[in-house]
């Protein structure tokens, strides 16, 4: 999976009231010349309102995102997806829960020296 792509960058964040670190790692396939990147996530969000976890993933549990030269757009797209689902569920009065995050069993974390 990751041996055929190039690691670009990593970021992490935490949702309010859910103290679980969500890690985003960006990868780009070496043969592609467009601005498509793939994000590997250590968790997906699935609130009680959702039928399927978000963001959508491919067969490798990766999310297609668009990134520019500094990757900010890609990271922002993923974070916004998580926060949108989180906020929609809070609006109906449900309390945030760690159970809203689904671990990605296929996630491979690069060593901390590289990621941070």
PDB file of N, CA and C in Angstrom:
ATOM      1  N   UNK A   1       0.820  -1.184   0.000  1.00  0.00           N
ATOM      2  CA  UNK A   1       0.000   0.000   0.000  1.00  0.00           C
ATOM      3  C   UNK A   1       0.869   1.254   0.000  1.00  0.00           C
ATOM      4  N   UNK A   2       1.605   1.532   1.061  1.00  0.00           N
ATOM      5  CA  UNK A   2       2.391   2.754   1.138  1.00  0.00           C
ATOM      6  C   UNK A   2       3.706   2.659   0.387  1.00  0.00           C
ATOM      7  N   UNK A   3       4.120   1.465   0.038  1.00  0.00           N
ATOM      8  CA  UNK A   3       5.371   1.321  -0.690  1.00  0.00           C
ATOM      9  C   UNK A   3       5.247   1.849  -2.112  1.00  0.00           C
ATOM     10  N   UNK A   4       4.033   1.975  -2.616  1.00  0.00           N
ATOM     11  CA  UNK A   4       3.836   2.464  -3.971  1.00  0.00           C
ATOM     12  C   UNK A   4       3.487   3.946  -4.002  1.00  0.00           C
ATOM     13  N   UNK A   5       3.549   4.602  -2.878  1.00  0.00           N
ATOM     14  CA  UNK A   5       3.247   6.024  -2.834  1.00  0.00           C
ATOM     15  C   UNK A   5       4.366   6.758  -2.085  1.00  0.00           C
ATOM     16  N   UNK A   6       4.332   8.071  -2.202  1.00  0.00           N
ATOM     17  CA  UNK A   6       5.329   8.903  -1.557  1.00  0.00           C
ATOM     18  C   UNK A   6       4.685   9.612  -0.375  1.00  0.00           C
ATOM     19  N   UNK A   7       5.286   9.474   0.807  1.00  0.00           N
ATOM     20  CA  UNK A   7       4.801  10.180   1.988  1.00  0.00           C
ATOM     21  C   UNK A   7       5.112  11.654   1.820  1.00  0.00           C
ATOM     22  N   UNK A   8       4.101  12.509   2.043  1.00  0.00           N
ATOM     23  CA  UNK A   8       4.289  13.950   1.899  1.00  0.00           C
ATOM     24  C   UNK A   8       4.393  14.670   3.240  1.00  0.00           C
ATOM     25  N   UNK A   9       3.392  14.455   4.095  1.00  0.00           N
ATOM     26  CA  UNK A   9       3.341  15.190   5.357  1.00  0.00           C
ATOM     27  C   UNK A   9       2.305  14.571   6.277  1.00  0.00           C
ATOM     28  N   UNK A  10       2.318  15.022   7.527  1.00  0.00           N
ATOM     29  CA  UNK A  10       1.377  14.520   8.517  1.00  0.00           C
ATOM     30  C   UNK A  10       0.943  15.643   9.434  1.00  0.00           C
ATOM     31  N   UNK A  11      -0.296  15.564   9.887  1.00  0.00           N
ATOM     32  CA  UNK A  11      -0.829  16.493  10.880  1.00  0.00           C
ATOM     33  C   UNK A  11      -1.751  15.715  11.793  1.00  0.00           C
ATOM     34  N   UNK A  12      -1.960  16.242  12.987  1.00  0.00           N
ATOM     35  CA  UNK A  12      -2.932  15.625  13.886  1.00  0.00           C
ATOM     36  C   UNK A  12      -3.798  16.714  14.507  1.00  0.00           C
ATOM     37  N   UNK A  13      -4.973  16.311  14.995  1.00  0.00           N
ATOM     38  CA  UNK A  13      -5.888  17.225  15.664  1.00  0.00           C
ATOM     39  C   UNK A  13      -6.772  16.415  16.601  1.00  0.00           C
ATOM     40  N   UNK A  14      -7.500  17.119  17.444  1.00  0.00           N
ATOM     41  CA  UNK A  14      -8.429  16.497  18.383  1.00  0.00           C
ATOM     42  C   UNK A  14      -9.749  17.247  18.284  1.00  0.00           C
ATOM     43  N   UNK A  15     -10.847  16.511  18.290  1.00  0.00           N
ATOM     44  CA  UNK A  15     -12.163  17.131  18.319  1.00  0.00           C
ATOM     45  C   UNK A  15     -12.497  17.557  19.751  1.00  0.00           C
ATOM     46  N   UNK A  16     -13.229  18.664  19.929  1.00  0.00           N
ATOM     47  CA  UNK A  16     -13.603  19.074  21.280  1.00  0.00           C
ATOM     48  C   UNK A  16     -14.369  17.956  21.995  1.00  0.00           C
ATOM     49  N   UNK A  17     -14.051  17.712  23.224  1.00  0.00           N
ATOM     50  CA  UNK A  17     -14.716  16.730  24.090  1.00  0.00           C
ATOM     51  C   UNK A  17     -14.468  15.272  23.693  1.00  0.00           C
ATOM     52  N   UNK A  18     -13.609  15.034  22.698  1.00  0.00           N
ATOM     53  CA  UNK A  18     -13.213  13.667  22.338  1.00  0.00           C
ATOM     54  C   UNK A  18     -11.684  13.650  22.331  1.00  0.00           C
ATOM     55  N   UNK A  19     -11.074  13.213  23.427  1.00  0.00           N
ATOM     56  CA  UNK A  19      -9.612  13.323  23.567  1.00  0.00           C
ATOM     57  C   UNK A  19      -8.824  12.221  22.856  1.00  0.00           C
ATOM     58  N   UNK A  20      -9.155  11.974  21.612  1.00  0.00           N
ATOM     59  CA  UNK A  20      -8.453  10.969  20.807  1.00  0.00           C
ATOM     60  C   UNK A  20      -7.735  11.702  19.681  1.00  0.00           C
ATOM     61  N   UNK A  21      -6.423  11.482  19.564  1.00  0.00           N
ATOM     62  CA  UNK A  21      -5.659  12.130  18.499  1.00  0.00           C
ATOM     63  C   UNK A  21      -6.018  11.514  17.147  1.00  0.00           C
ATOM     64  N   UNK A  22      -6.376  12.362  16.206  1.00  0.00           N
ATOM     65  CA  UNK A  22      -6.673  11.939  14.843  1.00  0.00           C
ATOM     66  C   UNK A  22      -5.479  12.340  13.993  1.00  0.00           C
ATOM     67  N   UNK A  23      -4.866  11.357  13.352  1.00  0.00           N
ATOM     68  CA  UNK A  23      -3.668  11.603  12.543  1.00  0.00           C
ATOM     69  C   UNK A  23      -4.038  11.509  11.066  1.00  0.00           C
ATOM     70  N   UNK A  24      -3.590  12.499  10.311  1.00  0.00           N
ATOM     71  CA  UNK A  24      -3.759  12.524   8.853  1.00  0.00           C
ATOM     72  C   UNK A  24      -2.371  12.424   8.242  1.00  0.00           C
ATOM     73  N   UNK A  25      -2.166  11.479   7.355  1.00  0.00           N
ATOM     74  CA  UNK A  25      -0.908  11.366   6.614  1.00  0.00           C
ATOM     75  C   UNK A  25      -1.218  11.480   5.126  1.00  0.00           C
ATOM     76  N   UNK A  26      -0.532  12.381   4.453  1.00  0.00           N
ATOM     77  CA  UNK A  26      -0.734  12.575   3.016  1.00  0.00           C
ATOM     78  C   UNK A  26       0.282  11.769   2.224  1.00  0.00           C
ATOM     79  N   UNK A  27      -0.191  11.163   1.148  1.00  0.00           N
ATOM     80  CA  UNK A  27       0.642  10.359   0.254  1.00  0.00           C
ATOM     81  C   UNK A  27       0.305  10.748  -1.181  1.00  0.00           C
ATOM     82  N   UNK A  28       1.271  10.623  -2.048  1.00  0.00           N
ATOM     83  CA  UNK A  28       1.056  10.874  -3.481  1.00  0.00           C
ATOM     84  C   UNK A  28       1.670   9.725  -4.257  1.00  0.00           C
ATOM     85  N   UNK A  29       0.916   9.238  -5.240  1.00  0.00           N
ATOM     86  CA  UNK A  29       1.457   8.187  -6.094  1.00  0.00           C
ATOM     87  C   UNK A  29       2.530   8.778  -6.981  1.00  0.00           C
ATOM     88  N   UNK A  30       3.675   8.120  -7.111  1.00  0.00           N
ATOM     89  CA  UNK A  30       4.792   8.686  -7.886  1.00  0.00           C
ATOM     90  C   UNK A  30       4.472   8.889  -9.365  1.00  0.00           C
ATOM     91  N   UNK A  31       3.607   8.057  -9.939  1.00  0.00           N
ATOM     92  CA  UNK A  31       3.324   8.181 -11.374  1.00  0.00           C
ATOM     93  C   UNK A  31       2.317   9.271 -11.704  1.00  0.00           C
ATOM     94  N   UNK A  32       1.659   9.833 -10.718  1.00  0.00           N
ATOM     95  CA  UNK A  32       0.634  10.839 -10.985  1.00  0.00           C
ATOM     96  C   UNK A  32       1.262  12.229 -11.075  1.00  0.00           C
ATOM     97  N   UNK A  33       0.774  13.020 -12.028  1.00  0.00           N
ATOM     98  CA  UNK A  33       1.299  14.364 -12.208  1.00  0.00           C
ATOM     99  C   UNK A  33       0.274  15.431 -11.847  1.00  0.00           C
ATOM    100  N   UNK A  34      -0.926  15.018 -11.419  1.00  0.00           N
ATOM    101  CA  UNK A  34      -1.941  15.999 -11.040  1.00  0.00           C
ATOM    102  C   UNK A  34      -1.818  16.342  -9.562  1.00  0.00           C
ATOM    103  N   UNK A  35      -2.785  17.069  -9.036  1.00  0.00           N
ATOM    104  CA  UNK A  35      -2.704  17.493  -7.637  1.00  0.00           C
ATOM    105  C   UNK A  35      -3.522  16.595  -6.710  1.00  0.00           C
ATOM    106  N   UNK A  36      -3.725  15.338  -7.081  1.00  0.00           N
ATOM    107  CA  UNK A  36      -4.459  14.407  -6.232  1.00  0.00           C
ATOM    108  C   UNK A  36      -3.518  13.768  -5.215  1.00  0.00           C
ATOM    109  N   UNK A  37      -3.968  13.756  -3.984  1.00  0.00           N
ATOM    110  CA  UNK A  37      -3.236  13.100  -2.909  1.00  0.00           C
ATOM    111  C   UNK A  37      -4.182  12.124  -2.235  1.00  0.00           C
ATOM    112  N   UNK A  38      -3.611  11.224  -1.488  1.00  0.00           N
ATOM    113  CA  UNK A  38      -4.408  10.303  -0.693  1.00  0.00           C
ATOM    114  C   UNK A  38      -4.062  10.525   0.765  1.00  0.00           C
ATOM    115  N   UNK A  39      -5.089  10.580   1.593  1.00  0.00           N
ATOM    116  CA  UNK A  39      -4.890  10.762   3.019  1.00  0.00           C
ATOM    117  C   UNK A  39      -5.175   9.453   3.728  1.00  0.00           C
ATOM    118  N   UNK A  40      -4.234   9.008   4.530  1.00  0.00           N
ATOM    119  CA  UNK A  40      -4.445   7.871   5.409  1.00  0.00           C
ATOM    120  C   UNK A  40      -4.778   8.436   6.779  1.00  0.00           C
ATOM    121  N   UNK A  41      -5.815   7.893   7.399  1.00  0.00           N
ATOM    122  CA  UNK A  41      -6.273   8.380   8.697  1.00  0.00           C
ATOM    123  C   UNK A  41      -6.208   7.267   9.724  1.00  0.00           C
ATOM    124  N   UNK A  42      -5.840   7.604  10.946  1.00  0.00           N
ATOM    125  CA  UNK A  42      -5.824   6.580  11.982  1.00  0.00           C
ATOM    126  C   UNK A  42      -7.224   6.317  12.546  1.00  0.00           C
ATOM    127  N   UNK A  43      -8.159   7.257  12.327  1.00  0.00           N
ATOM    128  CA  UNK A  43      -9.552   7.087  12.737  1.00  0.00           C
ATOM    129  C   UNK A  43     -10.467   7.713  11.682  1.00  0.00           C
ATOM    130  N   UNK A  44     -11.670   7.175  11.595  1.00  0.00           N
ATOM    131  CA  UNK A  44     -12.744   7.768  10.811  1.00  0.00           C
ATOM    132  C   UNK A  44     -13.821   8.189  11.793  1.00  0.00           C
ATOM    133  N   UNK A  45     -14.669   9.139  11.395  1.00  0.00           N
ATOM    134  CA  UNK A  45     -15.758   9.554  12.271  1.00  0.00           C
ATOM    135  C   UNK A  45     -17.067   8.949  11.772  1.00  0.00           C
ATOM    136  N   UNK A  46     -17.849   8.440  12.713  1.00  0.00           N
ATOM    137  CA  UNK A  46     -19.189   7.926  12.408  1.00  0.00           C
ATOM    138  C   UNK A  46     -20.070   8.228  13.605  1.00  0.00           C
ATOM    139  N   UNK A  47     -20.798   9.318  13.495  1.00  0.00           N
ATOM    140  CA  UNK A  47     -21.692   9.733  14.568  1.00  0.00           C
ATOM    141  C   UNK A  47     -22.998   8.950  14.458  1.00  0.00           C
ATOM    142  N   UNK A  48     -23.858   9.026  15.481  1.00  0.00           N
ATOM    143  CA  UNK A  48     -25.144   8.327  15.407  1.00  0.00           C
ATOM    144  C   UNK A  48     -26.024   8.773  14.236  1.00  0.00           C
ATOM    145  N   UNK A  49     -25.767   9.944  13.650  1.00  0.00           N
ATOM    146  CA  UNK A  49     -26.553  10.424  12.507  1.00  0.00           C
ATOM    147  C   UNK A  49     -26.100   9.838  11.173  1.00  0.00           C
ATOM    148  N   UNK A  50     -24.895   9.330  11.094  1.00  0.00           N
ATOM    149  CA  UNK A  50     -24.318   8.875   9.833  1.00  0.00           C
ATOM    150  C   UNK A  50     -24.621   7.402   9.567  1.00  0.00           C
ATOM    151  N   UNK A  51     -24.830   7.089   8.286  1.00  0.00           N
ATOM    152  CA  UNK A  51     -24.976   5.689   7.883  1.00  0.00           C
ATOM    153  C   UNK A  51     -23.613   5.058   7.617  1.00  0.00           C
ATOM    154  N   UNK A  52     -22.677   5.880   7.130  1.00  0.00           N
ATOM    155  CA  UNK A  52     -21.333   5.400   6.792  1.00  0.00           C
ATOM    156  C   UNK A  52     -20.298   6.337   7.395  1.00  0.00           C
ATOM    157  N   UNK A  53     -19.123   5.815   7.725  1.00  0.00           N
ATOM    158  CA  UNK A  53     -18.066   6.690   8.243  1.00  0.00           C
ATOM    159  C   UNK A  53     -17.652   7.741   7.214  1.00  0.00           C
ATOM    160  N   UNK A  54     -17.212   8.872   7.703  1.00  0.00           N
ATOM    161  CA  UNK A  54     -16.719   9.942   6.834  1.00  0.00           C
ATOM    162  C   UNK A  54     -15.281  10.240   7.220  1.00  0.00           C
ATOM    163  N   UNK A  55     -14.479  10.708   6.343  1.00  0.00           N
ATOM    164  CA  UNK A  55     -14.729  10.876   4.921  1.00  0.00           C
ATOM    165  C   UNK A  55     -14.721   9.535   4.190  1.00  0.00           C
ATOM    166  N   UNK A  56     -15.232   9.537   2.962  1.00  0.00           N
ATOM    167  CA  UNK A  56     -15.280   8.315   2.172  1.00  0.00           C
ATOM    168  C   UNK A  56     -13.878   7.821   1.854  1.00  0.00           C
ATOM    169  N   UNK A  57     -13.723   6.503   1.793  1.00  0.00           N
ATOM    170  CA  UNK A  57     -12.408   5.917   1.549  1.00  0.00           C
ATOM    171  C   UNK A  57     -12.461   4.948   0.371  1.00  0.00           C
ATOM    172  N   UNK A  58     -11.278   4.680  -0.199  1.00  0.00           N
ATOM    173  CA  UNK A  58     -11.176   3.703  -1.278  1.00  0.00           C
ATOM    174  C   UNK A  58     -10.879   2.323  -0.690  1.00  0.00           C
ATOM    175  N   UNK A  59     -10.566   1.362  -1.535  1.00  0.00           N
ATOM    176  CA  UNK A  59     -10.310  -0.011  -1.078  1.00  0.00           C
ATOM    177  C   UNK A  59      -9.083  -0.115  -0.178  1.00  0.00           C
ATOM    178  N   UNK A  60      -8.222   0.874  -0.165  1.00  0.00           N
ATOM    179  CA  UNK A  60      -7.036   0.874   0.689  1.00  0.00           C
ATOM    180  C   UNK A  60      -7.249   1.689   1.964  1.00  0.00           C
ATOM    181  N   UNK A  61      -8.504   2.022   2.254  1.00  0.00           N
ATOM    182  CA  UNK A  61      -8.822   2.862   3.411  1.00  0.00           C
ATOM    183  C   UNK A  61      -8.128   4.214   3.324  1.00  0.00           C
ATOM    184  N   UNK A  62      -8.031   4.749   2.133  1.00  0.00           N
ATOM    185  CA  UNK A  62      -7.466   6.075   1.939  1.00  0.00           C
ATOM    186  C   UNK A  62      -8.526   6.990   1.348  1.00  0.00           C
ATOM    187  N   UNK A  63      -8.414   8.276   1.622  1.00  0.00           N
ATOM    188  CA  UNK A  63      -9.340   9.283   1.141  1.00  0.00           C
ATOM    189  C   UNK A  63      -8.661  10.108   0.063  1.00  0.00           C
ATOM    190  N   UNK A  64      -9.334  10.307  -1.057  1.00  0.00           N
ATOM    191  CA  UNK A  64      -8.795  11.158  -2.116  1.00  0.00           C
ATOM    192  C   UNK A  64      -9.023  12.612  -1.733  1.00  0.00           C
ATOM    193  N   UNK A  65      -7.971  13.405  -1.760  1.00  0.00           N
ATOM    194  CA  UNK A  65      -8.069  14.834  -1.481  1.00  0.00           C
ATOM    195  C   UNK A  65      -7.237  15.582  -2.517  1.00  0.00           C
ATOM    196  N   UNK A  66      -7.461  16.866  -2.615  1.00  0.00           N
ATOM    197  CA  UNK A  66      -6.665  17.686  -3.522  1.00  0.00           C
ATOM    198  C   UNK A  66      -5.730  18.540  -2.677  1.00  0.00           C
ATOM    199  N   UNK A  67      -4.483  18.589  -3.078  1.00  0.00           N
ATOM    200  CA  UNK A  67      -3.516  19.336  -2.280  1.00  0.00           C
ATOM    201  C   UNK A  67      -2.714  20.265  -3.181  1.00  0.00           C
ATOM    202  N   UNK A  68      -2.284  21.338  -2.565  1.00  0.00           N
ATOM    203  CA  UNK A  68      -1.408  22.250  -3.282  1.00  0.00           C
ATOM    204  C   UNK A  68       0.021  21.995  -2.807  1.00  0.00           C
ATOM    205  N   UNK A  69       0.917  22.838  -3.157  1.00  0.00           N
ATOM    206  CA  UNK A  69       2.323  22.576  -2.861  1.00  0.00           C
ATOM    207  C   UNK A  69       2.630  22.497  -1.366  1.00  0.00           C
ATOM    208  N   UNK A  70       1.830  23.137  -0.514  1.00  0.00           N
ATOM    209  CA  UNK A  70       2.106  23.079   0.922  1.00  0.00           C
ATOM    210  C   UNK A  70       1.146  22.160   1.686  1.00  0.00           C
ATOM    211  N   UNK A  71       0.274  21.473   0.980  1.00  0.00           N
ATOM    212  CA  UNK A  71      -0.631  20.462   1.549  1.00  0.00           C
ATOM    213  C   UNK A  71      -1.733  21.016   2.454  1.00  0.00           C
ATOM    214  N   UNK A  72      -1.783  22.310   2.676  1.00  0.00           N
ATOM    215  CA  UNK A  72      -2.772  22.872   3.599  1.00  0.00           C
ATOM    216  C   UNK A  72      -4.213  22.578   3.193  1.00  0.00           C
ATOM    217  N   UNK A  73      -4.506  22.640   1.907  1.00  0.00           N
ATOM    218  CA  UNK A  73      -5.864  22.401   1.437  1.00  0.00           C
ATOM    219  C   UNK A  73      -6.313  20.978   1.757  1.00  0.00           C
ATOM    220  N   UNK A  74      -5.442  20.039   1.574  1.00  0.00           N
ATOM    221  CA  UNK A  74      -5.783  18.645   1.853  1.00  0.00           C
ATOM    222  C   UNK A  74      -6.061  18.434   3.335  1.00  0.00           C
ATOM    223  N   UNK A  75      -5.190  18.943   4.194  1.00  0.00           N
ATOM    224  CA  UNK A  75      -5.408  18.807   5.635  1.00  0.00           C
ATOM    225  C   UNK A  75      -6.706  19.492   6.054  1.00  0.00           C
ATOM    226  N   UNK A  76      -6.949  20.665   5.527  1.00  0.00           N
ATOM    227  CA  UNK A  76      -8.156  21.417   5.867  1.00  0.00           C
ATOM    228  C   UNK A  76      -9.411  20.663   5.443  1.00  0.00           C
ATOM    229  N   UNK A  77      -9.399  20.053   4.260  1.00  0.00           N
ATOM    230  CA  UNK A  77     -10.552  19.297   3.771  1.00  0.00           C
ATOM    231  C   UNK A  77     -10.913  18.159   4.720  1.00  0.00           C
ATOM    232  N   UNK A  78      -9.916  17.423   5.176  1.00  0.00           N
ATOM    233  CA  UNK A  78     -10.157  16.312   6.096  1.00  0.00           C
ATOM    234  C   UNK A  78     -10.676  16.825   7.437  1.00  0.00           C
ATOM    235  N   UNK A  79     -10.019  17.820   7.999  1.00  0.00           N
ATOM    236  CA  UNK A  79     -10.462  18.359   9.291  1.00  0.00           C
ATOM    237  C   UNK A  79     -11.900  18.868   9.204  1.00  0.00           C
ATOM    238  N   UNK A  80     -12.230  19.585   8.130  1.00  0.00           N
ATOM    239  CA  UNK A  80     -13.585  20.120   7.960  1.00  0.00           C
ATOM    240  C   UNK A  80     -14.621  19.010   7.888  1.00  0.00           C
ATOM    241  N   UNK A  81     -14.281  17.900   7.254  1.00  0.00           N
ATOM    242  CA  UNK A  81     -15.189  16.761   7.175  1.00  0.00           C
ATOM    243  C   UNK A  81     -15.519  16.231   8.568  1.00  0.00           C
ATOM    244  N   UNK A  82     -14.488  16.069   9.399  1.00  0.00           N
ATOM    245  CA  UNK A  82     -14.687  15.595  10.766  1.00  0.00           C
ATOM    246  C   UNK A  82     -15.528  16.591  11.577  1.00  0.00           C
ATOM    247  N   UNK A  83     -15.157  17.873  11.520  1.00  0.00           N
ATOM    248  CA  UNK A  83     -15.851  18.882  12.318  1.00  0.00           C
ATOM    249  C   UNK A  83     -17.299  19.056  11.870  1.00  0.00           C
ATOM    250  N   UNK A  84     -17.591  18.932  10.575  1.00  0.00           N
ATOM    251  CA  UNK A  84     -18.963  19.068  10.080  1.00  0.00           C
ATOM    252  C   UNK A  84     -19.851  17.971  10.667  1.00  0.00           C
ATOM    253  N   UNK A  85     -19.391  16.734  10.634  1.00  0.00           N
ATOM    254  CA  UNK A  85     -20.166  15.625  11.187  1.00  0.00           C
ATOM    255  C   UNK A  85     -20.335  15.790  12.698  1.00  0.00           C
ATOM    256  N   UNK A  86     -19.281  16.183  13.367  1.00  0.00           N
ATOM    257  CA  UNK A  86     -19.292  16.403  14.809  1.00  0.00           C
ATOM    258  C   UNK A  86     -20.328  17.467  15.184  1.00  0.00           C
ATOM    259  N   UNK A  87     -20.278  18.615  14.511  1.00  0.00           N
ATOM    260  CA  UNK A  87     -21.176  19.725  14.828  1.00  0.00           C
ATOM    261  C   UNK A  87     -22.638  19.391  14.514  1.00  0.00           C
ATOM    262  N   UNK A  88     -22.894  18.707  13.396  1.00  0.00           N
ATOM    263  CA  UNK A  88     -24.272  18.323  13.041  1.00  0.00           C
ATOM    264  C   UNK A  88     -24.887  17.450  14.128  1.00  0.00           C
ATOM    265  N   UNK A  89     -24.120  16.550  14.662  1.00  0.00           N
ATOM    266  CA  UNK A  89     -24.635  15.645  15.687  1.00  0.00           C
ATOM    267  C   UNK A  89     -24.829  16.377  17.011  1.00  0.00           C
ATOM    268  N   UNK A  90     -23.929  17.281  17.344  1.00  0.00           N
ATOM    269  CA  UNK A  90     -24.084  18.061  18.573  1.00  0.00           C
ATOM    270  C   UNK A  90     -25.320  18.956  18.510  1.00  0.00           C
ATOM    271  N   UNK A  91     -25.677  19.431  17.306  1.00  0.00           N
ATOM    272  CA  UNK A  91     -26.830  20.325  17.163  1.00  0.00           C
ATOM    273  C   UNK A  91     -28.126  19.671  17.617  1.00  0.00           C
ATOM    274  N   UNK A  92     -28.226  18.352  17.492  1.00  0.00           N
ATOM    275  CA  UNK A  92     -29.465  17.683  17.911  1.00  0.00           C
ATOM    276  C   UNK A  92     -29.408  17.281  19.386  1.00  0.00           C
ATOM    277  N   UNK A  93     -28.344  17.682  20.077  1.00  0.00           N
ATOM    278  CA  UNK A  93     -28.270  17.487  21.509  1.00  0.00           C
ATOM    279  C   UNK A  93     -27.519  16.259  21.995  1.00  0.00           C
ATOM    280  N   UNK A  94     -26.870  15.529  21.096  1.00  0.00           N
ATOM    281  CA  UNK A  94     -26.105  14.362  21.529  1.00  0.00           C
ATOM    282  C   UNK A  94     -24.743  14.792  22.067  1.00  0.00           C
ATOM    283  N   UNK A  95     -24.311  14.152  23.132  1.00  0.00           N
ATOM    284  CA  UNK A  95     -23.008  14.435  23.727  1.00  0.00           C
ATOM    285  C   UNK A  95     -21.911  13.723  22.947  1.00  0.00           C
ATOM    286  N   UNK A  96     -20.811  14.412  22.637  1.00  0.00           N
ATOM    287  CA  UNK A  96     -19.703  13.767  21.931  1.00  0.00           C
ATOM    288  C   UNK A  96     -19.190  12.551  22.703  1.00  0.00           C
ATOM    289  N   UNK A  97     -18.734  11.552  21.946  1.00  0.00           N
ATOM    290  CA  UNK A  97     -18.270  10.307  22.554  1.00  0.00           C
ATOM    291  C   UNK A  97     -17.090   9.748  21.757  1.00  0.00           C
ATOM    292  N   UNK A  98     -16.176   9.101  22.479  1.00  0.00           N
ATOM    293  CA  UNK A  98     -15.066   8.414  21.804  1.00  0.00           C
ATOM    294  C   UNK A  98     -15.583   7.368  20.830  1.00  0.00           C
ATOM    295  N   UNK A  99     -16.774   6.858  21.057  1.00  0.00           N
ATOM    296  CA  UNK A  99     -17.351   5.836  20.172  1.00  0.00           C
ATOM    297  C   UNK A  99     -17.660   6.389  18.782  1.00  0.00           C
ATOM    298  N   UNK A 100     -17.628   7.710  18.618  1.00  0.00           N
ATOM    299  CA  UNK A 100     -17.841   8.311  17.306  1.00  0.00           C
ATOM    300  C   UNK A 100     -16.633   8.112  16.394  1.00  0.00           C
ATOM    301  N   UNK A 101     -15.500   7.709  16.943  1.00  0.00           N
ATOM    302  CA  UNK A 101     -14.287   7.504  16.156  1.00  0.00           C
ATOM    303  C   UNK A 101     -14.045   6.011  15.961  1.00  0.00           C
ATOM    304  N   UNK A 102     -13.829   5.627  14.721  1.00  0.00           N
ATOM    305  CA  UNK A 102     -13.584   4.231  14.370  1.00  0.00           C
ATOM    306  C   UNK A 102     -12.115   4.086  13.991  1.00  0.00           C
ATOM    307  N   UNK A 103     -11.359   3.258  14.716  1.00  0.00           N
ATOM    308  CA  UNK A 103      -9.945   3.064  14.376  1.00  0.00           C
ATOM    309  C   UNK A 103      -9.797   2.439  12.987  1.00  0.00           C
ATOM    310  N   UNK A 104      -8.808   2.897  12.252  1.00  0.00           N
ATOM    311  CA  UNK A 104      -8.481   2.340  10.947  1.00  0.00           C
ATOM    312  C   UNK A 104      -7.433   1.247  11.164  1.00  0.00           C
ATOM    313  N   UNK A 105      -7.836   0.007  11.051  1.00  0.00           N
ATOM    314  CA  UNK A 105      -6.922  -1.113  11.318  1.00  0.00           C
ATOM    315  C   UNK A 105      -5.797  -1.210  10.293  1.00  0.00           C
ATOM    316  N   UNK A 106      -5.928  -0.535   9.148  1.00  0.00           N
ATOM    317  CA  UNK A 106      -4.899  -0.577   8.118  1.00  0.00           C
ATOM    318  C   UNK A 106      -3.946   0.621   8.177  1.00  0.00           C
ATOM    319  N   UNK A 107      -4.130   1.491   9.166  1.00  0.00           N
ATOM    320  CA  UNK A 107      -3.289   2.679   9.274  1.00  0.00           C
ATOM    321  C   UNK A 107      -1.876   2.294   9.699  1.00  0.00           C
ATOM    322  N   UNK A 108      -0.895   2.860   8.994  1.00  0.00           N
ATOM    323  CA  UNK A 108       0.514   2.642   9.322  1.00  0.00           C
ATOM    324  C   UNK A 108       1.090   3.999   9.708  1.00  0.00           C
ATOM    325  N   UNK A 109       1.484   4.128  10.962  1.00  0.00           N
ATOM    326  CA  UNK A 109       2.045   5.399  11.428  1.00  0.00           C
ATOM    327  C   UNK A 109       3.541   5.412  11.169  1.00  0.00           C
ATOM    328  N   UNK A 110       3.981   6.463  10.482  1.00  0.00           N
ATOM    329  CA  UNK A 110       5.408   6.638  10.281  1.00  0.00           C
ATOM    330  C   UNK A 110       6.040   7.025  11.612  1.00  0.00           C
ATOM    331  N   UNK A 111       7.328   6.806  11.764  1.00  0.00           N
ATOM    332  CA  UNK A 111       7.943   7.089  13.063  1.00  0.00           C
ATOM    333  C   UNK A 111       7.774   8.552  13.428  1.00  0.00           C
ATOM    334  N   UNK A 112       7.718   8.806  14.729  1.00  0.00           N
ATOM    335  CA  UNK A 112       7.419  10.145  15.231  1.00  0.00           C
ATOM    336  C   UNK A 112       8.413  11.196  14.759  1.00  0.00           C
ATOM    337  N   UNK A 113       9.645  10.821  14.531  1.00  0.00           N
ATOM    338  CA  UNK A 113      10.649  11.774  14.070  1.00  0.00           C
ATOM    339  C   UNK A 113      10.282  12.300  12.679  1.00  0.00           C
ATOM    340  N   UNK A 114       9.697  11.448  11.854  1.00  0.00           N
ATOM    341  CA  UNK A 114       9.303  11.846  10.511  1.00  0.00           C
ATOM    342  C   UNK A 114       7.991  12.615  10.518  1.00  0.00           C
ATOM    343  N   UNK A 115       7.051  12.191  11.355  1.00  0.00           N
ATOM    344  CA  UNK A 115       5.696  12.719  11.318  1.00  0.00           C
ATOM    345  C   UNK A 115       5.604  14.104  11.922  1.00  0.00           C
ATOM    346  N   UNK A 116       6.315  14.365  13.002  1.00  0.00           N
ATOM    347  CA  UNK A 116       6.097  15.646  13.715  1.00  0.00           C
ATOM    348  C   UNK A 116       7.071  16.704  13.356  1.00  0.00           C
TER     349      UNK A 116
END
